[in-house]
Amino acid sequence: MGSKLGLFGKLWRNNFAKPTEDRVLTRHLIEHHVANLLEIGVGTAERAERLLTAASQPIRYVGLDPFESRRPEDPPGISLKEAHQRLGHRAHVQLVPGPVDTTLARVCNHIGTFDLVLVSNGLESRDLERVWFFVRRLVRPSSAVFQQSTDGAWGQLSPEEIDTRSRQVLGRQAA
């Protein structure tokens, strides 16, 4: 399960850890005592490893990713088996393979709510659009949702932005 970094470990992770883009996530995880983390787009699982190591308490981690169904033009990723091997001892891990929009639709009613939701930039825009409808159902007012931009930087989305994106999905489905 999660490990304690101690004061110097947290200081280093917050201010000096690489990649610099992930520091905002580590800082949020440490400052807000995240207990439930949803990552949409696991990729190589390196980010998940860093975050789960930085956690000061045990975390329930749910990761959605294509894993073996990743296409050649998609960003690099790992297999489902390798993800379990690398993450399973760091947290209570549930990994869901397949296209993220359909897998999220399938498991949305069963996985509960999350304190922190991460949406990776390695996702196809068509799949990502449909994700927002379900993300809105998986967060509470106190939850934080971060989306990664194409340059790798993470930005936090407001509840209003998530609602707007969710309504856009519903509008396209009605048309």
Protein backbone atom coordinates (compact mmCIF):
# COMPACT_ATOMS: atom_id res chain seq x y z
CA MET A 1 0.00 0.00 0.00
CA GLY A 2 1.01 3.67 0.05
CA SER A 3 4.32 4.60 1.62
CA LYS A 4 5.32 7.54 3.77
CA LEU A 5 7.96 9.80 2.27
CA GLY A 6 8.72 11.85 5.34
CA LEU A 7 9.29 15.58 5.39
CA PHE A 8 12.36 15.62 3.14
CA GLY A 9 10.83 13.17 0.68
CA LYS A 10 7.73 15.33 0.35
CA LEU A 11 9.83 18.46 -0.02
CA TRP A 12 11.87 16.85 -2.78
CA ARG A 13 8.78 15.47 -4.61
CA ASN A 14 7.02 18.85 -4.42
CA ASN A 15 9.92 20.97 -5.62
CA PHE A 16 12.56 18.96 -7.44
CA ALA A 17 11.05 15.73 -8.80
CA LYS A 18 11.00 15.05 -12.53
CA PRO A 19 9.02 15.41 -14.69
CA THR A 20 8.20 18.92 -13.55
CA GLU A 21 4.71 18.72 -15.07
CA ASP A 22 3.68 16.11 -12.50
CA ARG A 23 4.65 18.22 -9.47
CA VAL A 24 1.22 19.86 -9.35
CA LEU A 25 -0.35 16.41 -9.05
CA THR A 26 2.02 15.28 -6.31
CA ARG A 27 1.45 18.52 -4.41
CA HIS A 28 -2.33 18.09 -4.64
CA LEU A 29 -2.15 14.44 -3.58
CA ILE A 30 -0.07 15.26 -0.51
CA GLU A 31 -1.92 18.43 0.55
CA HIS A 32 -5.44 17.01 0.14
CA HIS A 33 -4.92 13.49 1.52
CA VAL A 34 -6.38 11.76 -1.52
CA ALA A 35 -7.86 8.35 -0.73
CA ASN A 36 -9.41 7.53 -4.15
CA LEU A 37 -7.63 8.17 -7.45
CA LEU A 38 -8.97 7.58 -10.97
CA GLU A 39 -6.50 7.80 -13.84
CA ILE A 40 -7.93 7.79 -17.35
CA GLY A 41 -5.03 6.87 -19.59
CA VAL A 42 -2.39 4.97 -17.60
CA GLY A 43 0.22 4.98 -20.39
CA THR A 44 3.54 3.63 -19.10
CA ALA A 45 2.32 3.69 -15.46
CA GLU A 46 5.36 5.75 -14.39
CA ARG A 47 3.17 8.65 -13.23
CA ALA A 48 0.94 6.28 -11.24
CA GLU A 49 4.01 4.74 -9.59
CA ARG A 50 5.31 8.16 -8.55
CA LEU A 51 1.95 9.30 -7.21
CA LEU A 52 1.24 6.11 -5.29
CA THR A 53 4.72 6.25 -3.77
CA ALA A 54 4.19 9.86 -2.68
CA ALA A 55 0.87 9.11 -0.98
CA SER A 56 0.96 9.34 2.79
CA GLN A 57 -1.97 6.96 3.20
CA PRO A 58 -3.29 3.89 1.39
CA ILE A 59 -5.01 4.78 -1.86
CA ARG A 60 -7.64 3.06 -3.94
CA TYR A 61 -6.41 3.44 -7.51
CA VAL A 62 -8.53 2.78 -10.60
CA GLY A 63 -6.77 2.99 -13.97
CA LEU A 64 -8.48 2.92 -17.37
CA ASP A 65 -6.32 2.33 -20.42
CA PRO A 66 -6.39 0.47 -23.74
CA PHE A 67 -3.40 -1.63 -22.55
CA GLU A 68 -3.02 -4.42 -25.16
CA SER A 69 -5.54 -2.86 -27.55
CA ARG A 70 -3.30 0.21 -27.97
CA ARG A 71 -2.84 1.12 -31.65
CA PRO A 72 0.60 1.75 -33.21
CA GLU A 73 -0.10 5.49 -33.50
CA ASP A 74 -1.03 5.75 -29.80
CA PRO A 75 1.50 6.94 -27.21
CA PRO A 76 3.58 4.24 -25.50
CA GLY A 77 1.97 2.08 -22.87
CA ILE A 78 2.35 -1.13 -20.94
CA SER A 79 0.42 -4.38 -20.79
CA LEU A 80 -2.31 -5.02 -18.26
CA LYS A 81 -0.21 -7.73 -16.61
CA GLU A 82 2.81 -5.44 -16.28
CA ALA A 83 0.63 -2.65 -14.85
CA HIS A 84 -0.69 -5.03 -12.18
CA GLN A 85 2.85 -6.14 -11.35
CA ARG A 86 4.16 -2.57 -11.06
CA LEU A 87 1.22 -1.00 -9.23
CA GLY A 88 -0.43 -3.82 -7.28
CA HIS A 89 1.87 -3.62 -4.25
CA ARG A 90 1.56 0.18 -4.01
CA ALA A 91 -2.23 0.53 -3.58
CA HIS A 92 -5.56 -1.22 -3.84
CA VAL A 93 -5.51 -1.34 -7.64
CA GLN A 94 -8.31 -1.92 -10.14
CA LEU A 95 -7.28 -1.75 -13.80
CA VAL A 96 -9.88 -1.69 -16.54
CA PRO A 97 -8.66 -2.47 -20.09
CA GLY A 98 -10.24 -1.24 -23.31
CA PRO A 99 -11.28 2.01 -24.98
CA VAL A 100 -11.62 4.49 -22.10
CA ASP A 101 -15.03 5.84 -23.09
CA THR A 102 -16.73 2.45 -23.27
CA THR A 103 -14.96 1.01 -20.23
CA LEU A 104 -15.86 4.05 -18.15
CA ALA A 105 -19.48 3.73 -19.27
CA ARG A 106 -19.43 0.06 -18.26
CA VAL A 107 -17.92 0.51 -14.79
CA CYS A 108 -19.16 3.98 -13.84
CA ASN A 109 -21.97 2.79 -11.58
CA HIS A 110 -19.70 0.33 -9.75
CA ILE A 111 -16.51 2.21 -8.95
CA GLY A 112 -17.82 4.97 -6.68
CA THR A 113 -16.55 8.53 -6.42
CA PHE A 114 -13.01 9.87 -6.44
CA ASP A 115 -11.04 12.57 -4.67
CA LEU A 116 -8.71 12.99 -7.64
CA VAL A 117 -9.32 12.29 -11.34
CA LEU A 118 -6.52 12.50 -13.92
CA VAL A 119 -7.25 12.60 -17.65
CA SER A 120 -4.13 11.92 -19.73
CA ASN A 121 -3.32 13.64 -23.02
CA GLY A 122 -2.63 10.28 -24.68
CA LEU A 123 -6.30 9.70 -25.44
CA GLU A 124 -8.07 10.03 -28.76
CA SER A 125 -10.23 13.18 -28.77
CA ARG A 126 -13.34 11.25 -29.86
CA ASP A 127 -13.01 8.92 -26.85
CA LEU A 128 -12.20 11.78 -24.53
CA GLU A 129 -15.33 13.76 -25.40
CA ARG A 130 -17.59 10.94 -24.22
CA VAL A 131 -15.63 10.51 -20.99
CA TRP A 132 -16.82 13.83 -19.52
CA PHE A 133 -20.42 12.69 -19.09
CA PHE A 134 -19.23 9.91 -16.79
CA VAL A 135 -16.53 11.92 -15.01
CA ARG A 136 -19.20 14.30 -13.77
CA ARG A 137 -20.92 11.35 -12.08
CA LEU A 138 -17.70 10.19 -10.39
CA VAL A 139 -16.77 13.38 -8.55
CA ARG A 140 -17.99 15.20 -5.47
CA PRO A 141 -17.84 18.98 -4.92
CA SER A 142 -14.55 18.48 -3.05
CA SER A 143 -12.98 16.37 -5.83
CA ALA A 144 -10.25 17.65 -8.12
CA VAL A 145 -10.09 16.87 -11.82
CA PHE A 146 -6.87 17.50 -13.75
CA GLN A 147 -6.47 17.23 -17.50
CA GLN A 148 -3.12 16.99 -19.24
CA SER A 149 -2.55 19.29 -22.21
CA THR A 150 -0.68 18.29 -25.36
CA ASP A 151 2.53 19.86 -23.97
CA GLY A 152 2.32 17.64 -20.86
CA ALA A 153 1.23 20.32 -18.38
CA TRP A 154 -1.63 19.54 -16.01
CA GLY A 155 -4.50 21.94 -15.47
CA GLN A 156 -7.27 21.67 -12.91
CA LEU A 157 -10.81 21.85 -14.28
CA SER A 158 -13.55 23.62 -12.39
CA PRO A 159 -16.87 21.88 -11.69
CA GLU A 160 -18.46 24.30 -14.17
CA GLU A 161 -16.04 23.21 -16.92
CA ILE A 162 -16.83 19.56 -16.27
CA ASP A 163 -20.59 20.28 -16.36
CA THR A 164 -20.20 22.20 -19.62
CA ARG A 165 -18.27 19.35 -21.25
CA SER A 166 -20.83 16.85 -20.00
CA ARG A 167 -23.70 18.90 -21.44
CA GLN A 168 -21.88 19.17 -24.78
CA VAL A 169 -21.76 15.37 -24.96
CA LEU A 170 -25.49 15.18 -24.23
CA GLY A 171 -26.18 17.85 -26.87
CA ARG A 172 -24.27 15.89 -29.52
CA GLN A 173 -26.10 12.69 -28.62
CA ALA A 174 -29.50 14.42 -28.92
CA ALA A 175 -28.64 15.90 -32.33
